[in-house]
Amino acid sequence: MIKLFLYKQWVYFQRNKFLKERRKEESIISPQASGYWKVFFEGKNRVPERCQFLNENIHIGFATTMGVNNLLSGNVTIGKYCQIGADVAFHASNHPISYMATYINYNLFKGELKKYKEEHKIIVGNDVWIGHGVIIVGNVTIGNGAILAAGSVITKDILPYTIVAGTPAKPVRKRFSDTIIQEIEALQWWDLSAEELEKIKPLFFKDFKDKESIYDK
C-alpha cells in the first residue's frame, strides 16, 4: 500500500511538472486529458478535456489546437497551426486481420497476439482544418492547408489545399488555383517568426477567390 501511494504521488508530481513546463511554452493542457505527458508539444498548443494520447510517438506542431474528446492512437505527427474539432480520432494502428483472431488483449494468451498489431503512420501537414467527428485511419498523409469536412472518414492521402468530405472522404475541390498553391507552399509562412509574419500580414487579409496569385491586388 505504501509503495502504491508513493508511486501515485510520484506520478502526480511528474504530471504537474510537465504541465508547468508546457505553460512556460504558452501551451494550455487540461488535467482532464490523458497520456499528454508522453507527447511532444512544440508550444502554444491547446488541449482541452477528455483528449486521449495512446502512444509515445505523437508530435503536435506549434500553435496547433485540439478539440474536446480527441483520440490519438499510434504514430501521429501533426504540423503547425492546425485546428482540430471535437470528437476527432486518429487511428494509426489496427488489429490484425489475416490471423485467426483480431483479439489482442491480455485475456487471450496473456496478450501475446499484440505483436501482430498493424502499425502505420499518420502525417498531417501545416494549417490543416479538421472538422467535428472526423476519423483518420491507417497510413495517411494530409497535405498543407487541407480541409477535412465534419464527419469525414479519411482512409487515403489528401493533397495540399484540397477540401474533402464523405465516408470514405472524396475531394470536393481545391481551395485555390495551382499558382496560388505553389506560391503558398514556397512561402511556408508557418515556419516564419512572429516578426517575419508581421511583414507579410496583409496577405492573410486578402480573399484569394477568383485570384491567380497571392500577390494580385
N, C-alpha and C. Protein backbone atom coordinates (compact mmCIF):
# COMPACT_ATOMS: atom_id res chain seq x y z
N MET A 1 0.82 -1.21 0.00
CA MET A 1 0.00 0.00 0.00
C MET A 1 0.85 1.26 0.00
N ILE A 2 1.93 1.21 0.79
CA ILE A 2 2.81 2.39 0.86
C ILE A 2 3.49 2.63 -0.48
N LYS A 3 3.93 1.53 -1.14
CA LYS A 3 4.58 1.66 -2.44
C LYS A 3 3.62 2.24 -3.47
N LEU A 4 2.37 1.78 -3.44
CA LEU A 4 1.36 2.27 -4.37
C LEU A 4 1.10 3.75 -4.14
N PHE A 5 1.00 4.14 -2.86
CA PHE A 5 0.78 5.54 -2.51
C PHE A 5 1.92 6.41 -3.01
N LEU A 6 3.16 5.94 -2.78
CA LEU A 6 4.33 6.71 -3.21
C LEU A 6 4.40 6.82 -4.73
N TYR A 7 4.02 5.73 -5.42
CA TYR A 7 4.02 5.75 -6.88
C TYR A 7 3.00 6.77 -7.40
N LYS A 8 1.81 6.78 -6.81
CA LYS A 8 0.78 7.73 -7.24
C LYS A 8 1.23 9.17 -7.00
N GLN A 9 1.90 9.39 -5.87
CA GLN A 9 2.42 10.72 -5.57
C GLN A 9 3.48 11.14 -6.58
N TRP A 10 4.32 10.18 -6.96
CA TRP A 10 5.38 10.45 -7.94
C TRP A 10 4.77 10.79 -9.30
N VAL A 11 3.76 10.01 -9.73
CA VAL A 11 3.08 10.27 -11.00
C VAL A 11 2.42 11.64 -10.97
N TYR A 12 1.76 11.97 -9.86
CA TYR A 12 1.10 13.27 -9.71
C TYR A 12 2.10 14.40 -9.84
N PHE A 13 3.26 14.22 -9.20
CA PHE A 13 4.31 15.24 -9.26
C PHE A 13 4.84 15.41 -10.67
N GLN A 14 5.09 14.29 -11.36
CA GLN A 14 5.64 14.34 -12.72
C GLN A 14 4.66 15.00 -13.70
N ARG A 15 3.38 14.70 -13.56
CA ARG A 15 2.38 15.29 -14.47
C ARG A 15 2.25 16.79 -14.23
N ASN A 16 2.25 17.19 -12.96
CA ASN A 16 2.18 18.63 -12.66
C ASN A 16 3.41 19.36 -13.17
N LYS A 17 4.56 18.71 -13.04
CA LYS A 17 5.80 19.29 -13.55
C LYS A 17 5.72 19.47 -15.06
N PHE A 18 5.20 18.46 -15.76
CA PHE A 18 5.05 18.52 -17.21
C PHE A 18 4.13 19.68 -17.60
N LEU A 19 3.00 19.82 -16.91
CA LEU A 19 2.05 20.88 -17.23
C LEU A 19 2.65 22.26 -17.01
N LYS A 20 3.43 22.40 -15.95
CA LYS A 20 4.08 23.69 -15.67
C LYS A 20 5.10 24.03 -16.76
N GLU A 21 5.86 23.02 -17.20
CA GLU A 21 6.85 23.25 -18.27
C GLU A 21 6.17 23.65 -19.57
N ARG A 22 5.03 23.03 -19.87
CA ARG A 22 4.30 23.37 -21.09
C ARG A 22 3.71 24.78 -21.00
N ARG A 23 3.28 25.18 -19.81
CA ARG A 23 2.75 26.54 -19.66
C ARG A 23 3.81 27.59 -19.94
N LYS A 24 5.06 27.27 -19.64
CA LYS A 24 6.16 28.18 -19.97
C LYS A 24 6.28 28.38 -21.48
N GLU A 25 5.85 27.36 -22.23
CA GLU A 25 5.85 27.42 -23.70
C GLU A 25 4.51 27.92 -24.23
N GLU A 26 3.70 28.45 -23.33
CA GLU A 26 2.38 29.01 -23.65
C GLU A 26 1.40 27.95 -24.15
N SER A 27 1.59 26.72 -23.73
CA SER A 27 0.63 25.66 -24.03
C SER A 27 -0.30 25.48 -22.83
N ILE A 28 -1.58 25.26 -23.12
CA ILE A 28 -2.56 25.02 -22.07
C ILE A 28 -3.12 23.61 -22.27
N ILE A 29 -2.86 22.74 -21.31
CA ILE A 29 -3.28 21.35 -21.39
C ILE A 29 -4.17 21.03 -20.21
N SER A 30 -5.36 20.55 -20.48
CA SER A 30 -6.29 20.23 -19.41
C SER A 30 -5.81 19.01 -18.62
N PRO A 31 -5.85 19.09 -17.29
CA PRO A 31 -5.51 17.91 -16.48
C PRO A 31 -6.49 16.77 -16.70
N GLN A 32 -7.67 17.08 -17.28
CA GLN A 32 -8.65 16.04 -17.58
C GLN A 32 -8.36 15.30 -18.88
N ALA A 33 -7.28 15.70 -19.57
CA ALA A 33 -6.79 14.90 -20.71
C ALA A 33 -5.97 13.74 -20.15
N SER A 34 -5.64 12.76 -21.00
CA SER A 34 -4.84 11.63 -20.52
C SER A 34 -3.73 11.30 -21.52
N GLY A 35 -2.60 10.88 -20.99
CA GLY A 35 -1.47 10.48 -21.82
C GLY A 35 -0.67 11.63 -22.39
N TYR A 36 -1.01 12.88 -22.05
CA TYR A 36 -0.34 14.05 -22.63
C TYR A 36 1.14 14.12 -22.28
N TRP A 37 1.53 13.51 -21.17
CA TRP A 37 2.94 13.55 -20.75
C TRP A 37 3.84 12.72 -21.65
N LYS A 38 3.26 11.93 -22.54
CA LYS A 38 4.05 11.13 -23.50
C LYS A 38 4.30 11.91 -24.80
N VAL A 39 3.61 13.04 -24.97
CA VAL A 39 3.55 13.73 -26.26
C VAL A 39 4.59 14.84 -26.34
N PHE A 40 5.11 15.07 -27.57
CA PHE A 40 6.00 16.22 -27.81
C PHE A 40 5.15 17.36 -28.35
N PHE A 41 5.08 18.44 -27.59
CA PHE A 41 4.36 19.64 -27.99
C PHE A 41 5.36 20.73 -28.35
N GLU A 42 5.16 21.39 -29.50
CA GLU A 42 6.10 22.43 -29.94
C GLU A 42 5.88 23.76 -29.25
N GLY A 43 4.69 23.98 -28.68
CA GLY A 43 4.42 25.24 -27.99
C GLY A 43 3.17 25.92 -28.50
N LYS A 44 2.55 26.72 -27.61
CA LYS A 44 1.30 27.45 -27.89
C LYS A 44 0.19 26.50 -28.32
N ASN A 45 0.17 25.31 -27.75
CA ASN A 45 -0.86 24.32 -28.06
C ASN A 45 -2.01 24.42 -27.08
N ARG A 46 -3.17 23.95 -27.50
CA ARG A 46 -4.35 23.90 -26.64
C ARG A 46 -4.88 22.48 -26.65
N VAL A 47 -5.01 21.89 -25.46
CA VAL A 47 -5.52 20.53 -25.33
C VAL A 47 -6.63 20.55 -24.28
N PRO A 48 -7.89 20.48 -24.70
CA PRO A 48 -9.00 20.52 -23.75
C PRO A 48 -9.25 19.18 -23.08
N GLU A 49 -10.31 19.13 -22.29
CA GLU A 49 -10.62 17.93 -21.53
C GLU A 49 -10.97 16.75 -22.43
N ARG A 50 -10.74 15.57 -21.88
CA ARG A 50 -11.08 14.27 -22.48
C ARG A 50 -10.29 13.95 -23.74
N CYS A 51 -9.22 14.65 -24.01
CA CYS A 51 -8.32 14.23 -25.09
C CYS A 51 -7.49 13.06 -24.59
N GLN A 52 -7.30 12.07 -25.47
CA GLN A 52 -6.53 10.88 -25.09
C GLN A 52 -5.38 10.67 -26.07
N PHE A 53 -4.18 10.50 -25.50
CA PHE A 53 -2.98 10.22 -26.30
C PHE A 53 -2.49 8.83 -25.91
N LEU A 54 -2.57 7.88 -26.84
CA LEU A 54 -2.35 6.48 -26.50
C LEU A 54 -1.01 5.94 -26.98
N ASN A 55 -0.07 6.83 -27.30
CA ASN A 55 1.20 6.35 -27.82
C ASN A 55 2.28 7.38 -27.53
N GLU A 56 3.52 6.95 -27.50
CA GLU A 56 4.63 7.88 -27.27
C GLU A 56 5.12 8.54 -28.55
N ASN A 57 4.72 8.01 -29.70
CA ASN A 57 5.17 8.56 -30.99
C ASN A 57 4.16 9.57 -31.52
N ILE A 58 3.86 10.58 -30.71
CA ILE A 58 2.91 11.61 -31.11
C ILE A 58 3.60 12.97 -31.03
N HIS A 59 3.49 13.74 -32.10
CA HIS A 59 4.14 15.06 -32.20
C HIS A 59 3.09 16.08 -32.62
N ILE A 60 2.93 17.12 -31.80
CA ILE A 60 1.95 18.16 -32.07
C ILE A 60 2.69 19.46 -32.39
N GLY A 61 2.47 20.01 -33.59
CA GLY A 61 3.20 21.18 -34.05
C GLY A 61 2.81 22.48 -33.36
N PHE A 62 3.61 23.49 -33.56
CA PHE A 62 3.45 24.80 -32.94
C PHE A 62 2.07 25.40 -33.22
N ALA A 63 1.42 25.88 -32.16
CA ALA A 63 0.15 26.60 -32.23
C ALA A 63 -1.03 25.74 -32.68
N THR A 64 -0.83 24.45 -32.81
CA THR A 64 -1.94 23.56 -33.16
C THR A 64 -2.86 23.38 -31.97
N THR A 65 -4.17 23.45 -32.20
CA THR A 65 -5.15 23.33 -31.12
C THR A 65 -6.01 22.09 -31.33
N MET A 66 -6.26 21.39 -30.23
CA MET A 66 -7.08 20.18 -30.25
C MET A 66 -8.52 20.53 -29.93
N GLY A 67 -9.42 19.56 -30.12
CA GLY A 67 -10.81 19.72 -29.73
C GLY A 67 -11.14 18.79 -28.58
N VAL A 68 -12.27 19.03 -27.94
CA VAL A 68 -12.71 18.17 -26.84
C VAL A 68 -12.86 16.73 -27.33
N ASN A 69 -12.37 15.79 -26.52
CA ASN A 69 -12.56 14.36 -26.79
C ASN A 69 -11.85 13.88 -28.05
N ASN A 70 -10.67 14.44 -28.35
CA ASN A 70 -9.84 13.91 -29.43
C ASN A 70 -9.15 12.63 -28.97
N LEU A 71 -8.95 11.71 -29.90
CA LEU A 71 -8.26 10.45 -29.61
C LEU A 71 -7.13 10.29 -30.61
N LEU A 72 -5.91 10.11 -30.11
CA LEU A 72 -4.75 9.89 -30.98
C LEU A 72 -4.10 8.57 -30.57
N SER A 73 -4.12 7.61 -31.49
CA SER A 73 -3.60 6.28 -31.22
C SER A 73 -2.57 5.89 -32.28
N GLY A 74 -1.38 5.54 -31.85
CA GLY A 74 -0.33 5.14 -32.78
C GLY A 74 0.61 6.28 -33.11
N ASN A 75 1.32 6.13 -34.21
CA ASN A 75 2.35 7.08 -34.64
C ASN A 75 1.69 8.23 -35.41
N VAL A 76 1.56 9.39 -34.74
CA VAL A 76 0.84 10.52 -35.34
C VAL A 76 1.69 11.77 -35.25
N THR A 77 1.86 12.44 -36.40
CA THR A 77 2.57 13.73 -36.43
C THR A 77 1.63 14.76 -37.03
N ILE A 78 1.41 15.84 -36.30
CA ILE A 78 0.53 16.92 -36.75
C ILE A 78 1.36 18.20 -36.86
N GLY A 79 1.22 18.90 -37.98
CA GLY A 79 2.02 20.09 -38.24
C GLY A 79 1.62 21.31 -37.44
N LYS A 80 2.08 22.46 -37.89
CA LYS A 80 1.87 23.73 -37.18
C LYS A 80 0.56 24.39 -37.61
N TYR A 81 0.00 25.17 -36.69
CA TYR A 81 -1.19 26.00 -36.96
C TYR A 81 -2.38 25.19 -37.46
N CYS A 82 -2.53 23.97 -36.98
CA CYS A 82 -3.70 23.17 -37.33
C CYS A 82 -4.80 23.39 -36.30
N GLN A 83 -6.04 23.27 -36.75
CA GLN A 83 -7.20 23.38 -35.87
C GLN A 83 -8.02 22.11 -35.99
N ILE A 84 -8.23 21.46 -34.85
CA ILE A 84 -8.88 20.16 -34.83
C ILE A 84 -10.17 20.26 -34.02
N GLY A 85 -11.29 19.87 -34.62
CA GLY A 85 -12.58 19.95 -33.96
C GLY A 85 -12.76 18.88 -32.90
N ALA A 86 -13.93 18.89 -32.27
CA ALA A 86 -14.25 17.92 -31.23
C ALA A 86 -14.48 16.53 -31.81
N ASP A 87 -14.25 15.51 -30.98
CA ASP A 87 -14.56 14.11 -31.31
C ASP A 87 -13.83 13.61 -32.56
N VAL A 88 -12.64 14.11 -32.79
CA VAL A 88 -11.81 13.64 -33.91
C VAL A 88 -10.93 12.49 -33.43
N ALA A 89 -10.79 11.46 -34.27
CA ALA A 89 -9.98 10.29 -33.90
C ALA A 89 -8.92 10.00 -34.95
N PHE A 90 -7.70 9.76 -34.47
CA PHE A 90 -6.57 9.37 -35.31
C PHE A 90 -6.21 7.93 -34.95
N HIS A 91 -6.38 7.00 -35.88
CA HIS A 91 -6.06 5.60 -35.63
C HIS A 91 -4.94 5.17 -36.58
N ALA A 92 -3.70 5.25 -36.09
CA ALA A 92 -2.55 4.88 -36.91
C ALA A 92 -2.18 3.41 -36.75
N SER A 93 -2.89 2.71 -35.89
CA SER A 93 -2.64 1.27 -35.72
C SER A 93 -3.95 0.52 -35.93
N ASN A 94 -3.83 -0.79 -36.16
CA ASN A 94 -5.02 -1.57 -36.46
C ASN A 94 -4.84 -3.00 -35.95
N HIS A 95 -5.96 -3.65 -35.69
CA HIS A 95 -5.91 -5.04 -35.26
C HIS A 95 -5.50 -5.93 -36.44
N PRO A 96 -4.87 -7.08 -36.17
CA PRO A 96 -4.51 -8.00 -37.26
C PRO A 96 -5.77 -8.57 -37.91
N ILE A 97 -5.76 -8.68 -39.23
CA ILE A 97 -6.95 -9.18 -39.92
C ILE A 97 -6.71 -10.49 -40.68
N SER A 98 -5.45 -10.93 -40.77
CA SER A 98 -5.17 -12.16 -41.52
C SER A 98 -4.79 -13.32 -40.60
N TYR A 99 -4.99 -13.14 -39.30
CA TYR A 99 -4.73 -14.21 -38.34
C TYR A 99 -6.08 -14.77 -37.84
N MET A 100 -6.01 -15.83 -37.05
CA MET A 100 -7.21 -16.48 -36.54
C MET A 100 -8.14 -15.50 -35.84
N ALA A 101 -7.55 -14.64 -35.01
CA ALA A 101 -8.37 -13.71 -34.22
C ALA A 101 -7.89 -12.28 -34.39
N THR A 102 -8.82 -11.36 -34.24
CA THR A 102 -8.46 -9.94 -34.21
C THR A 102 -8.19 -9.50 -32.77
N TYR A 103 -8.47 -10.35 -31.81
CA TYR A 103 -8.38 -10.02 -30.39
C TYR A 103 -6.92 -10.04 -29.94
N ILE A 104 -6.47 -8.92 -29.36
CA ILE A 104 -5.05 -8.81 -28.97
C ILE A 104 -4.88 -8.45 -27.50
N ASN A 105 -5.97 -8.45 -26.74
CA ASN A 105 -5.89 -8.06 -25.34
C ASN A 105 -5.36 -9.18 -24.44
N TYR A 106 -5.11 -8.83 -23.20
CA TYR A 106 -4.46 -9.72 -22.24
C TYR A 106 -5.26 -10.99 -21.98
N ASN A 107 -6.57 -10.94 -22.13
CA ASN A 107 -7.42 -12.07 -21.79
C ASN A 107 -7.23 -13.28 -22.70
N LEU A 108 -6.57 -13.11 -23.83
CA LEU A 108 -6.29 -14.23 -24.72
C LEU A 108 -4.78 -14.41 -24.83
N PHE A 109 -4.27 -15.54 -24.33
CA PHE A 109 -2.83 -15.84 -24.36
C PHE A 109 -1.99 -14.71 -23.75
N LYS A 110 -2.56 -14.08 -22.71
CA LYS A 110 -1.87 -13.00 -21.98
C LYS A 110 -1.36 -11.90 -22.91
N GLY A 111 -2.09 -11.67 -23.98
CA GLY A 111 -1.77 -10.56 -24.87
C GLY A 111 -0.64 -10.82 -25.84
N GLU A 112 -0.21 -12.07 -26.00
CA GLU A 112 0.91 -12.38 -26.90
C GLU A 112 0.61 -11.99 -28.35
N LEU A 113 -0.67 -11.97 -28.72
CA LEU A 113 -1.03 -11.65 -30.10
C LEU A 113 -0.90 -10.17 -30.43
N LYS A 114 -0.62 -9.38 -29.41
CA LYS A 114 -0.49 -7.94 -29.63
C LYS A 114 0.65 -7.61 -30.59
N LYS A 115 1.64 -8.51 -30.69
CA LYS A 115 2.78 -8.27 -31.59
C LYS A 115 2.37 -8.26 -33.06
N TYR A 116 1.17 -8.77 -33.36
CA TYR A 116 0.69 -8.78 -34.74
C TYR A 116 -0.14 -7.54 -35.07
N LYS A 117 -0.23 -6.64 -34.15
CA LYS A 117 -0.95 -5.38 -34.39
C LYS A 117 -0.29 -4.63 -35.54
N GLU A 118 -1.09 -4.10 -36.45
CA GLU A 118 -0.56 -3.37 -37.60
C GLU A 118 -0.24 -1.93 -37.20
N GLU A 119 1.00 -1.53 -37.39
CA GLU A 119 1.42 -0.17 -37.03
C GLU A 119 1.64 0.66 -38.29
N HIS A 120 0.93 1.76 -38.39
CA HIS A 120 1.05 2.67 -39.53
C HIS A 120 1.50 4.04 -39.05
N LYS A 121 1.38 5.04 -39.91
CA LYS A 121 1.76 6.39 -39.53
C LYS A 121 0.80 7.39 -40.18
N ILE A 122 0.35 8.33 -39.38
CA ILE A 122 -0.49 9.42 -39.87
C ILE A 122 0.32 10.70 -39.81
N ILE A 123 0.42 11.40 -40.94
CA ILE A 123 1.13 12.67 -41.00
C ILE A 123 0.16 13.75 -41.47
N VAL A 124 0.01 14.78 -40.66
CA VAL A 124 -0.86 15.91 -41.01
C VAL A 124 0.03 17.12 -41.24
N GLY A 125 -0.16 17.81 -42.37
CA GLY A 125 0.66 18.97 -42.70
C GLY A 125 0.34 20.18 -41.83
N ASN A 126 0.70 21.35 -42.31
CA ASN A 126 0.50 22.60 -41.59
C ASN A 126 -0.79 23.28 -42.03
N ASP A 127 -1.39 24.06 -41.12
CA ASP A 127 -2.59 24.84 -41.42
C ASP A 127 -3.72 23.96 -41.96
N VAL A 128 -3.88 22.80 -41.35
CA VAL A 128 -4.96 21.89 -41.74
C VAL A 128 -6.14 22.09 -40.79
N TRP A 129 -7.33 22.17 -41.34
CA TRP A 129 -8.55 22.31 -40.55
C TRP A 129 -9.29 20.97 -40.60
N ILE A 130 -9.46 20.37 -39.43
CA ILE A 130 -10.12 19.06 -39.32
C ILE A 130 -11.44 19.25 -38.57
N GLY A 131 -12.56 19.01 -39.25
CA GLY A 131 -13.87 19.28 -38.69
C GLY A 131 -14.31 18.27 -37.65
N HIS A 132 -15.44 18.57 -37.04
CA HIS A 132 -16.01 17.76 -35.96
C HIS A 132 -16.25 16.31 -36.41
N GLY A 133 -15.82 15.37 -35.58
CA GLY A 133 -16.14 13.97 -35.80
C GLY A 133 -15.40 13.27 -36.92
N VAL A 134 -14.33 13.87 -37.41
CA VAL A 134 -13.53 13.23 -38.47
C VAL A 134 -12.78 12.03 -37.90
N ILE A 135 -12.68 10.97 -38.68
CA ILE A 135 -11.90 9.78 -38.32
C ILE A 135 -10.83 9.57 -39.38
N ILE A 136 -9.57 9.45 -38.93
CA ILE A 136 -8.44 9.25 -39.84
C ILE A 136 -7.83 7.89 -39.52
N VAL A 137 -7.72 7.03 -40.54
CA VAL A 137 -7.33 5.64 -40.30
C VAL A 137 -6.17 5.24 -41.20
N GLY A 138 -5.19 4.53 -40.63
CA GLY A 138 -4.14 3.87 -41.40
C GLY A 138 -3.00 4.76 -41.84
N ASN A 139 -2.31 4.33 -42.88
CA ASN A 139 -1.16 5.06 -43.43
C ASN A 139 -1.68 6.22 -44.27
N VAL A 140 -1.75 7.41 -43.69
CA VAL A 140 -2.35 8.54 -44.37
C VAL A 140 -1.47 9.78 -44.21
N THR A 141 -1.29 10.52 -45.33
CA THR A 141 -0.62 11.82 -45.29
C THR A 141 -1.59 12.88 -45.77
N ILE A 142 -1.76 13.92 -44.99
CA ILE A 142 -2.67 15.01 -45.30
C ILE A 142 -1.85 16.25 -45.59
N GLY A 143 -2.01 16.81 -46.77
CA GLY A 143 -1.18 17.93 -47.21
C GLY A 143 -1.49 19.23 -46.50
N ASN A 144 -0.57 20.18 -46.62
CA ASN A 144 -0.74 21.51 -46.04
C ASN A 144 -2.05 22.15 -46.52
N GLY A 145 -2.70 22.88 -45.61
CA GLY A 145 -3.85 23.67 -45.99
C GLY A 145 -5.11 22.91 -46.36
N ALA A 146 -5.12 21.60 -46.15
CA ALA A 146 -6.30 20.81 -46.48
C ALA A 146 -7.43 21.09 -45.49
N ILE A 147 -8.66 20.85 -45.92
CA ILE A 147 -9.84 20.98 -45.06
C ILE A 147 -10.58 19.65 -45.09
N LEU A 148 -10.78 19.04 -43.92
CA LEU A 148 -11.49 17.78 -43.81
C LEU A 148 -12.87 18.08 -43.21
N ALA A 149 -13.90 17.94 -44.01
CA ALA A 149 -15.25 18.31 -43.58
C ALA A 149 -15.72 17.44 -42.42
N ALA A 150 -16.60 18.00 -41.59
CA ALA A 150 -17.12 17.30 -40.42
C ALA A 150 -17.70 15.94 -40.80
N GLY A 151 -17.37 14.94 -39.99
CA GLY A 151 -17.91 13.61 -40.19
C GLY A 151 -17.21 12.77 -41.24
N SER A 152 -16.17 13.29 -41.87
CA SER A 152 -15.47 12.54 -42.91
C SER A 152 -14.67 11.38 -42.32
N VAL A 153 -14.51 10.35 -43.12
CA VAL A 153 -13.63 9.23 -42.76
C VAL A 153 -12.49 9.21 -43.76
N ILE A 154 -11.28 9.44 -43.28
CA ILE A 154 -10.11 9.59 -44.15
C ILE A 154 -9.32 8.29 -44.17
N THR A 155 -9.23 7.67 -45.34
CA THR A 155 -8.50 6.41 -45.48
C THR A 155 -7.39 6.50 -46.52
N LYS A 156 -7.31 7.64 -47.24
CA LYS A 156 -6.29 7.82 -48.28
C LYS A 156 -5.64 9.19 -48.13
N ASP A 157 -4.49 9.37 -48.77
CA ASP A 157 -3.77 10.65 -48.74
C ASP A 157 -4.64 11.77 -49.29
N ILE A 158 -4.46 12.95 -48.72
CA ILE A 158 -5.18 14.15 -49.16
C ILE A 158 -4.16 15.16 -49.69
N LEU A 159 -4.36 15.63 -50.90
CA LEU A 159 -3.44 16.59 -51.49
C LEU A 159 -3.54 17.94 -50.78
N PRO A 160 -2.46 18.74 -50.81
CA PRO A 160 -2.48 20.06 -50.18
C PRO A 160 -3.62 20.93 -50.71
N TYR A 161 -4.21 21.71 -49.82
CA TYR A 161 -5.23 22.73 -50.16
C TYR A 161 -6.46 22.14 -50.84
N THR A 162 -6.76 20.89 -50.46
CA THR A 162 -7.94 20.22 -51.01
C THR A 162 -9.00 20.08 -49.92
N ILE A 163 -10.25 20.35 -50.29
CA ILE A 163 -11.38 20.14 -49.39
C ILE A 163 -11.95 18.76 -49.67
N VAL A 164 -12.09 17.94 -48.62
CA VAL A 164 -12.65 16.60 -48.80
C VAL A 164 -13.83 16.42 -47.86
N ALA A 165 -14.74 15.52 -48.25
CA ALA A 165 -15.92 15.24 -47.44
C ALA A 165 -16.42 13.84 -47.76
N GLY A 166 -17.14 13.25 -46.82
CA GLY A 166 -17.80 11.98 -47.09
C GLY A 166 -17.20 10.79 -46.37
N THR A 167 -17.87 9.63 -46.57
CA THR A 167 -17.45 8.37 -45.96
C THR A 167 -17.43 7.28 -47.02
N PRO A 168 -16.26 6.89 -47.51
CA PRO A 168 -14.95 7.50 -47.25
C PRO A 168 -14.84 8.87 -47.93
N ALA A 169 -13.93 9.68 -47.44
CA ALA A 169 -13.81 11.05 -47.94
C ALA A 169 -13.33 11.08 -49.39
N LYS A 170 -13.92 12.01 -50.14
CA LYS A 170 -13.52 12.24 -51.53
C LYS A 170 -13.30 13.73 -51.75
N PRO A 171 -12.42 14.10 -52.69
CA PRO A 171 -12.17 15.52 -52.94
C PRO A 171 -13.43 16.24 -53.42
N VAL A 172 -13.66 17.42 -52.86
CA VAL A 172 -14.75 18.28 -53.30
C VAL A 172 -14.21 19.31 -54.30
N ARG A 173 -13.15 19.97 -53.90
CA ARG A 173 -12.49 20.92 -54.79
C ARG A 173 -11.19 21.39 -54.14
N LYS A 174 -10.35 22.05 -54.96
CA LYS A 174 -9.17 22.71 -54.41
C LYS A 174 -9.56 24.08 -53.88
N ARG A 175 -8.88 24.52 -52.87
CA ARG A 175 -9.19 25.83 -52.29
C ARG A 175 -8.75 26.97 -53.20
N PHE A 176 -7.64 26.77 -53.91
CA PHE A 176 -7.05 27.85 -54.71
C PHE A 176 -6.61 27.34 -56.07
N SER A 177 -6.18 28.27 -56.92
CA SER A 177 -5.57 27.90 -58.21
C SER A 177 -4.23 27.23 -57.94
N ASP A 178 -3.74 26.50 -58.94
CA ASP A 178 -2.45 25.82 -58.79
C ASP A 178 -1.32 26.82 -58.52
N THR A 179 -1.41 27.99 -59.16
CA THR A 179 -0.37 29.01 -58.96
C THR A 179 -0.34 29.49 -57.51
N ILE A 180 -1.51 29.76 -56.95
CA ILE A 180 -1.58 30.21 -55.56
C ILE A 180 -1.08 29.13 -54.62
N ILE A 181 -1.45 27.90 -54.88
CA ILE A 181 -0.97 26.79 -54.04
C ILE A 181 0.55 26.74 -54.06
N GLN A 182 1.14 26.87 -55.24
CA GLN A 182 2.60 26.85 -55.35
C GLN A 182 3.23 28.01 -54.61
N GLU A 183 2.60 29.17 -54.68
CA GLU A 183 3.14 30.37 -54.00
C GLU A 183 3.09 30.21 -52.49
N ILE A 184 2.00 29.68 -51.96
CA ILE A 184 1.89 29.49 -50.52
C ILE A 184 2.87 28.43 -50.04
N GLU A 185 2.99 27.36 -50.81
CA GLU A 185 3.95 26.31 -50.45
C GLU A 185 5.38 26.85 -50.44
N ALA A 186 5.68 27.71 -51.40
CA ALA A 186 7.02 28.31 -51.45
C ALA A 186 7.24 29.28 -50.28
N LEU A 187 6.19 29.97 -49.89
CA LEU A 187 6.28 30.94 -48.80
C LEU A 187 6.50 30.26 -47.45
N GLN A 188 5.84 29.11 -47.25
CA GLN A 188 5.94 28.35 -45.99
C GLN A 188 5.82 29.27 -44.77
N TRP A 189 4.72 30.01 -44.72
CA TRP A 189 4.54 31.02 -43.67
C TRP A 189 4.55 30.43 -42.27
N TRP A 190 4.18 29.16 -42.14
CA TRP A 190 4.11 28.52 -40.82
C TRP A 190 5.48 28.36 -40.17
N ASP A 191 6.54 28.49 -40.95
CA ASP A 191 7.89 28.39 -40.40
C ASP A 191 8.50 29.76 -40.08
N LEU A 192 7.77 30.83 -40.34
CA LEU A 192 8.30 32.18 -40.14
C LEU A 192 8.17 32.61 -38.68
N SER A 193 9.05 33.49 -38.27
CA SER A 193 8.99 34.05 -36.92
C SER A 193 7.85 35.06 -36.82
N ALA A 194 7.53 35.48 -35.61
CA ALA A 194 6.46 36.48 -35.42
C ALA A 194 6.78 37.77 -36.16
N GLU A 195 8.05 38.15 -36.16
CA GLU A 195 8.47 39.38 -36.86
C GLU A 195 8.31 39.23 -38.36
N GLU A 196 8.67 38.07 -38.88
CA GLU A 196 8.55 37.83 -40.33
C GLU A 196 7.08 37.74 -40.75
N LEU A 197 6.26 37.16 -39.90
CA LEU A 197 4.83 37.09 -40.21
C LEU A 197 4.21 38.48 -40.26
N GLU A 198 4.68 39.36 -39.40
CA GLU A 198 4.15 40.72 -39.37
C GLU A 198 4.40 41.43 -40.70
N LYS A 199 5.52 41.13 -41.33
CA LYS A 199 5.87 41.77 -42.61
C LYS A 199 4.93 41.35 -43.74
N ILE A 200 4.41 40.14 -43.66
CA ILE A 200 3.52 39.66 -44.74
C ILE A 200 2.06 39.61 -44.26
N LYS A 201 1.77 40.25 -43.16
CA LYS A 201 0.43 40.23 -42.57
C LYS A 201 -0.67 40.59 -43.55
N PRO A 202 -0.50 41.58 -44.43
CA PRO A 202 -1.58 41.92 -45.38
C PRO A 202 -2.05 40.74 -46.23
N LEU A 203 -1.16 39.78 -46.50
CA LEU A 203 -1.56 38.63 -47.32
C LEU A 203 -2.65 37.80 -46.65
N PHE A 204 -2.67 37.80 -45.31
CA PHE A 204 -3.64 36.98 -44.57
C PHE A 204 -5.04 37.60 -44.59
N PHE A 205 -5.15 38.83 -45.02
CA PHE A 205 -6.44 39.52 -45.02
C PHE A 205 -7.00 39.70 -46.44
N LYS A 206 -6.38 39.01 -47.39
CA LYS A 206 -6.83 39.08 -48.78
C LYS A 206 -7.68 37.84 -49.11
N ASP A 207 -8.74 38.05 -49.85
CA ASP A 207 -9.58 36.96 -50.32
C ASP A 207 -9.03 36.47 -51.66
N PHE A 208 -8.61 35.22 -51.72
CA PHE A 208 -7.99 34.69 -52.94
C PHE A 208 -9.00 34.09 -53.91
N LYS A 209 -10.28 34.24 -53.62
CA LYS A 209 -11.29 33.72 -54.55
C LYS A 209 -11.17 34.43 -55.90
N ASP A 210 -11.14 33.65 -56.95
CA ASP A 210 -11.03 34.16 -58.33
C ASP A 210 -9.70 34.88 -58.60
N LYS A 211 -8.73 34.68 -57.74
CA LYS A 211 -7.41 35.27 -57.94
C LYS A 211 -6.47 34.20 -58.51
N GLU A 212 -5.45 34.65 -59.23
CA GLU A 212 -4.47 33.74 -59.80
C GLU A 212 -3.14 33.78 -59.08
N SER A 213 -2.97 34.77 -58.20
CA SER A 213 -1.73 34.89 -57.45
C SER A 213 -2.03 35.55 -56.10
N ILE A 214 -1.28 35.16 -55.08
CA ILE A 214 -1.48 35.78 -53.76
C ILE A 214 -1.03 37.25 -53.78
N TYR A 215 -0.30 37.63 -54.83
CA TYR A 215 0.20 39.00 -54.93
C TYR A 215 -0.69 39.88 -55.81
N ASP A 216 -1.79 39.30 -56.35
CA ASP A 216 -2.73 40.11 -57.12
C ASP A 216 -3.39 41.14 -56.21
N LYS A 217 -3.67 42.31 -56.77
CA LYS A 217 -4.34 43.33 -55.98
C LYS A 217 -5.84 43.11 -56.00
